[in-house]
N, C-alpha and C. Protein backbone atom coordinates (compact mmCIF):
# COMPACT_ATOMS: atom_id res chain seq x y z
N UNK A 1 57.73 -13.53 -65.48
CA UNK A 1 57.91 -13.06 -66.85
C UNK A 1 58.33 -11.60 -66.82
N UNK A 2 59.27 -11.24 -67.66
CA UNK A 2 59.75 -9.87 -67.73
C UNK A 2 58.78 -9.01 -68.52
N UNK A 3 58.66 -7.77 -68.13
CA UNK A 3 57.87 -6.79 -68.87
C UNK A 3 58.47 -6.64 -70.25
N UNK A 4 57.65 -6.60 -71.29
CA UNK A 4 58.17 -6.50 -72.65
C UNK A 4 58.92 -5.19 -72.88
N UNK A 5 58.61 -4.15 -72.12
CA UNK A 5 59.32 -2.89 -72.26
C UNK A 5 60.77 -3.05 -71.80
N UNK A 6 61.01 -3.90 -70.84
CA UNK A 6 62.33 -4.09 -70.27
C UNK A 6 62.95 -5.42 -70.72
N UNK A 7 62.47 -5.98 -71.78
CA UNK A 7 62.92 -7.28 -72.25
C UNK A 7 64.23 -7.16 -73.02
N UNK A 8 65.12 -8.07 -72.71
CA UNK A 8 66.36 -8.13 -73.48
C UNK A 8 66.13 -9.03 -74.69
N UNK A 9 66.81 -8.69 -75.77
CA UNK A 9 66.72 -9.46 -77.00
C UNK A 9 68.12 -9.68 -77.55
N UNK A 10 68.25 -10.71 -78.34
CA UNK A 10 69.50 -10.95 -79.06
C UNK A 10 69.22 -10.73 -80.54
N UNK A 11 70.07 -9.92 -81.16
CA UNK A 11 69.98 -9.69 -82.60
C UNK A 11 71.12 -10.45 -83.26
N UNK A 12 70.77 -11.36 -84.15
CA UNK A 12 71.78 -12.05 -84.95
C UNK A 12 71.79 -11.36 -86.31
N UNK A 13 72.95 -10.84 -86.69
CA UNK A 13 73.06 -10.11 -87.95
C UNK A 13 73.39 -11.06 -89.09
N UNK A 14 73.23 -10.56 -90.30
CA UNK A 14 73.51 -11.38 -91.48
C UNK A 14 74.99 -11.71 -91.61
N UNK A 15 75.88 -10.97 -90.92
CA UNK A 15 77.31 -11.30 -90.96
C UNK A 15 77.72 -12.20 -89.79
N UNK A 16 76.73 -12.73 -89.03
CA UNK A 16 77.01 -13.70 -87.98
C UNK A 16 77.25 -13.14 -86.60
N UNK A 17 77.22 -11.83 -86.44
CA UNK A 17 77.43 -11.20 -85.13
C UNK A 17 76.14 -11.30 -84.31
N UNK A 18 76.26 -11.49 -82.99
CA UNK A 18 75.10 -11.50 -82.10
C UNK A 18 75.30 -10.41 -81.05
N UNK A 19 74.32 -9.53 -80.94
CA UNK A 19 74.35 -8.42 -79.99
C UNK A 19 73.13 -8.56 -79.10
N UNK A 20 73.34 -8.46 -77.78
CA UNK A 20 72.25 -8.55 -76.82
C UNK A 20 72.08 -7.21 -76.13
N UNK A 21 70.83 -6.79 -75.95
CA UNK A 21 70.55 -5.53 -75.27
C UNK A 21 69.07 -5.37 -75.03
N UNK A 22 68.71 -4.23 -74.48
CA UNK A 22 67.29 -3.91 -74.27
C UNK A 22 66.71 -3.38 -75.56
N UNK A 23 65.57 -3.89 -75.94
CA UNK A 23 64.89 -3.46 -77.15
C UNK A 23 64.28 -2.08 -76.92
N UNK A 24 64.80 -1.08 -77.63
CA UNK A 24 64.27 0.28 -77.51
C UNK A 24 63.23 0.58 -78.58
N UNK A 25 63.47 0.05 -79.79
CA UNK A 25 62.57 0.36 -80.91
C UNK A 25 62.60 -0.79 -81.90
N UNK A 26 61.43 -1.19 -82.35
CA UNK A 26 61.31 -2.24 -83.35
C UNK A 26 60.28 -1.75 -84.38
N UNK A 27 60.80 -1.13 -85.42
CA UNK A 27 59.92 -0.62 -86.47
C UNK A 27 60.04 -1.52 -87.69
N UNK A 28 59.26 -1.25 -88.67
CA UNK A 28 59.31 -2.04 -89.89
C UNK A 28 60.65 -1.98 -90.58
N UNK A 29 61.38 -0.88 -90.40
CA UNK A 29 62.63 -0.71 -91.12
C UNK A 29 63.89 -0.93 -90.32
N UNK A 30 63.79 -0.90 -88.98
CA UNK A 30 65.00 -1.03 -88.17
C UNK A 30 64.68 -1.54 -86.77
N UNK A 31 65.76 -1.95 -86.07
CA UNK A 31 65.69 -2.41 -84.69
C UNK A 31 66.78 -1.65 -83.93
N UNK A 32 66.43 -1.08 -82.76
CA UNK A 32 67.41 -0.35 -81.95
C UNK A 32 67.49 -0.99 -80.57
N UNK A 33 68.73 -1.27 -80.14
CA UNK A 33 68.99 -1.85 -78.83
C UNK A 33 69.81 -0.89 -77.99
N UNK A 34 69.61 -0.93 -76.68
CA UNK A 34 70.51 -0.29 -75.72
C UNK A 34 71.43 -1.39 -75.23
N UNK A 35 72.72 -1.23 -75.44
CA UNK A 35 73.67 -2.27 -75.06
C UNK A 35 74.18 -2.03 -73.65
N UNK A 36 74.92 -2.98 -73.11
CA UNK A 36 75.44 -2.90 -71.76
C UNK A 36 76.32 -1.70 -71.51
N UNK A 37 76.97 -1.21 -72.54
CA UNK A 37 77.85 -0.05 -72.38
C UNK A 37 77.07 1.26 -72.35
N UNK A 38 75.76 1.19 -72.53
CA UNK A 38 74.94 2.40 -72.53
C UNK A 38 74.75 2.98 -73.92
N UNK A 39 75.45 2.42 -74.89
CA UNK A 39 75.32 2.90 -76.27
C UNK A 39 74.06 2.32 -76.90
N UNK A 40 73.60 2.98 -77.95
CA UNK A 40 72.48 2.46 -78.73
C UNK A 40 73.02 1.93 -80.04
N UNK A 41 72.51 0.76 -80.44
CA UNK A 41 72.88 0.16 -81.71
C UNK A 41 71.63 -0.01 -82.54
N UNK A 42 71.66 0.51 -83.75
CA UNK A 42 70.51 0.40 -84.66
C UNK A 42 70.90 -0.45 -85.86
N UNK A 43 70.03 -1.37 -86.21
CA UNK A 43 70.25 -2.27 -87.33
C UNK A 43 69.09 -2.13 -88.30
N UNK A 44 69.40 -1.95 -89.57
CA UNK A 44 68.33 -1.96 -90.56
C UNK A 44 67.86 -3.40 -90.70
N UNK A 45 66.60 -3.59 -91.02
CA UNK A 45 66.00 -4.93 -91.09
C UNK A 45 66.77 -5.86 -92.02
N UNK A 46 67.34 -5.33 -93.07
CA UNK A 46 68.09 -6.16 -94.01
C UNK A 46 69.33 -6.77 -93.35
N UNK A 47 69.83 -6.17 -92.25
CA UNK A 47 71.00 -6.68 -91.52
C UNK A 47 70.62 -7.74 -90.48
N UNK A 48 69.34 -7.85 -90.14
CA UNK A 48 68.90 -8.72 -89.05
C UNK A 48 68.46 -10.07 -89.60
N UNK A 49 69.22 -11.10 -89.20
CA UNK A 49 68.85 -12.47 -89.58
C UNK A 49 67.80 -13.00 -88.61
N UNK A 50 67.99 -12.70 -87.32
CA UNK A 50 67.10 -13.25 -86.30
C UNK A 50 67.03 -12.30 -85.11
N UNK A 51 65.85 -12.13 -84.54
CA UNK A 51 65.61 -11.33 -83.35
C UNK A 51 64.97 -12.26 -82.32
N UNK A 52 65.70 -12.54 -81.23
CA UNK A 52 65.24 -13.53 -80.26
C UNK A 52 65.06 -12.91 -78.88
N UNK A 53 63.82 -12.88 -78.35
CA UNK A 53 63.61 -12.41 -76.98
C UNK A 53 64.36 -13.32 -76.01
N UNK A 54 64.99 -12.74 -75.00
CA UNK A 54 65.72 -13.51 -74.01
C UNK A 54 64.82 -13.82 -72.83
N UNK A 55 65.02 -14.96 -72.21
CA UNK A 55 64.18 -15.38 -71.09
C UNK A 55 64.70 -14.87 -69.75
N UNK A 56 65.89 -14.31 -69.75
CA UNK A 56 66.48 -13.84 -68.51
C UNK A 56 66.72 -12.35 -68.56
N UNK A 57 66.87 -11.76 -67.40
CA UNK A 57 67.15 -10.34 -67.28
C UNK A 57 68.63 -10.07 -67.58
N UNK A 58 68.94 -8.84 -67.96
CA UNK A 58 70.33 -8.44 -68.13
C UNK A 58 71.00 -8.16 -66.79
N UNK A 59 70.21 -8.05 -65.71
CA UNK A 59 70.78 -7.80 -64.39
C UNK A 59 71.50 -9.07 -63.93
N UNK A 60 72.71 -8.91 -63.42
CA UNK A 60 73.47 -10.08 -62.98
C UNK A 60 72.76 -10.89 -61.89
N UNK A 61 72.82 -12.20 -62.01
CA UNK A 61 72.25 -13.11 -61.02
C UNK A 61 72.88 -12.86 -59.66
N UNK A 62 72.08 -12.74 -58.63
CA UNK A 62 72.58 -12.58 -57.27
C UNK A 62 72.94 -11.16 -56.90
N UNK A 63 72.69 -10.18 -57.77
CA UNK A 63 73.04 -8.80 -57.47
C UNK A 63 72.40 -8.30 -56.18
N UNK A 64 71.18 -8.74 -55.92
CA UNK A 64 70.44 -8.26 -54.76
C UNK A 64 71.05 -8.71 -53.44
N UNK A 65 71.86 -9.75 -53.45
CA UNK A 65 72.44 -10.29 -52.22
C UNK A 65 73.29 -9.24 -51.49
N UNK A 66 74.03 -8.42 -52.23
CA UNK A 66 74.90 -7.43 -51.61
C UNK A 66 74.27 -6.08 -51.39
N UNK A 67 72.97 -5.95 -51.65
CA UNK A 67 72.30 -4.65 -51.53
C UNK A 67 71.46 -4.58 -50.26
N UNK A 68 71.44 -3.39 -49.66
CA UNK A 68 70.53 -3.16 -48.54
C UNK A 68 69.11 -2.97 -49.09
N UNK A 69 68.13 -2.98 -48.21
CA UNK A 69 66.74 -2.76 -48.63
C UNK A 69 66.60 -1.40 -49.32
N UNK A 70 67.28 -0.38 -48.81
CA UNK A 70 67.22 0.97 -49.40
C UNK A 70 67.85 0.97 -50.80
N UNK A 71 68.99 0.32 -50.93
CA UNK A 71 69.65 0.25 -52.23
C UNK A 71 68.78 -0.49 -53.25
N UNK A 72 68.15 -1.57 -52.84
CA UNK A 72 67.26 -2.32 -53.73
C UNK A 72 66.07 -1.47 -54.13
N UNK A 73 65.53 -0.74 -53.16
CA UNK A 73 64.41 0.16 -53.45
C UNK A 73 64.82 1.23 -54.46
N UNK A 74 66.00 1.81 -54.26
CA UNK A 74 66.51 2.83 -55.19
C UNK A 74 66.72 2.25 -56.58
N UNK A 75 67.26 1.04 -56.65
CA UNK A 75 67.49 0.39 -57.93
C UNK A 75 66.18 0.15 -58.67
N UNK A 76 65.19 -0.38 -57.97
CA UNK A 76 63.90 -0.64 -58.59
C UNK A 76 63.22 0.66 -59.04
N UNK A 77 63.35 1.71 -58.26
CA UNK A 77 62.80 3.01 -58.65
C UNK A 77 63.47 3.51 -59.93
N UNK A 78 64.79 3.40 -59.99
CA UNK A 78 65.53 3.83 -61.17
C UNK A 78 65.11 3.03 -62.40
N UNK A 79 65.01 1.71 -62.26
CA UNK A 79 64.63 0.88 -63.40
C UNK A 79 63.22 1.17 -63.88
N UNK A 80 62.36 1.58 -62.96
CA UNK A 80 60.98 1.93 -63.32
C UNK A 80 60.87 3.29 -63.96
N UNK A 81 61.76 4.23 -63.59
CA UNK A 81 61.69 5.61 -64.05
C UNK A 81 63.08 6.18 -64.33
N UNK A 82 63.82 5.63 -65.29
CA UNK A 82 65.21 6.08 -65.49
C UNK A 82 65.34 7.55 -65.88
N UNK A 83 64.33 8.12 -66.52
CA UNK A 83 64.44 9.51 -66.93
C UNK A 83 64.28 10.49 -65.78
N UNK A 84 63.80 10.02 -64.62
CA UNK A 84 63.63 10.92 -63.47
C UNK A 84 64.88 11.01 -62.61
N UNK A 85 65.92 10.24 -62.92
CA UNK A 85 67.16 10.24 -62.14
C UNK A 85 68.05 11.40 -62.59
N UNK A 86 68.60 12.14 -61.60
CA UNK A 86 69.46 13.28 -61.98
C UNK A 86 70.72 12.85 -62.71
């Protein structure tokens, strides 16, 4: 099971658009996602038809196959502490 802090969600908007990203903030008035491009998207609750937690990670399947042990270690460190990376 994925940590809820790092959980991806899909937001279906009232105009039929679906956006998937990491849930950064879910307040009573809005929902903010970090999208794959690194941008943040905020939706007011009135725009959100449905908010669905995803069962899979946003990390591509099989990514670890091409990584050395050091690279995997660095990746996991970054994902655990992104603000500490220069």
